[in-house]
């Protein structure tokens, strides 16, 4: 069977004989992504990337299992847009915590949270559960994995439904992208210098900070740029899963 690593599609006759080392949990969101990308963009990104890298890691001998993903995320600051679907971070933390308990019960020692939504902030959760579970938990925000190559691939700055995110969408699910509707992604500044400079931080109200939830001009996006960025992400993430699966657990893990 070719889908031993995909829990959603495999069955007990397969799973009962495998000692998985690493679980991968894709997490996304349901929210508007400008006028040109689907509401499920963050969920689709994380799920498809997880599927690609788990399959590649399995083919390299890593005992990984992709868990069914969580489609909802933290969207309190997008609720002025219709059908943005919010789940509070505390709710997400509870769900992920319960899943970690399940992994511990089933003796799967490592979890990678593959996050596709900037509004999901799991770092404090990792601190809270440290020492409370035997499962080693790490967090990967996929869009940040190749930022050292961003300037060589993309021309426009931005951080939502922008050239980067749109290019990856074109590469992964281009049939759902409507580039004819893409706007210029104008970002509105506040009246306060410290906030605009970034050292005073706020939660951005997206209906005030943007025209249509797009931050950054996506109109130079292409599937080719998306594939170039994805190639780096998939190579790095596959290597990480392979190394993580091979490294034996100890009381000092992941240190010597």
Foldseek 3Di string as FASTA:
>chain_A
DQQLQEPVPDDDVSVVPDDAAEEEEEEFAQADQFPWFHRQLLVLVRVVLVVLLSSVLVVVPHRYHYYDYHRHEADPLRPVDPPGDHDDLVRVLVVVVVVLVVCQVVVHAEYEYAGRDPRRDCPVSQVVCVVVHRHHYYYDDLVPQVPVCDVVQDPKDWDTSAQQSVLLCCQRPVVRGDLVRFDQQQFDDDPDPCPNVPPDDDPDNQVVGTVGNRHMGNNVHHPVSSVVSSVSSSVVVSVVSNVSRPDDDDPPPPPD
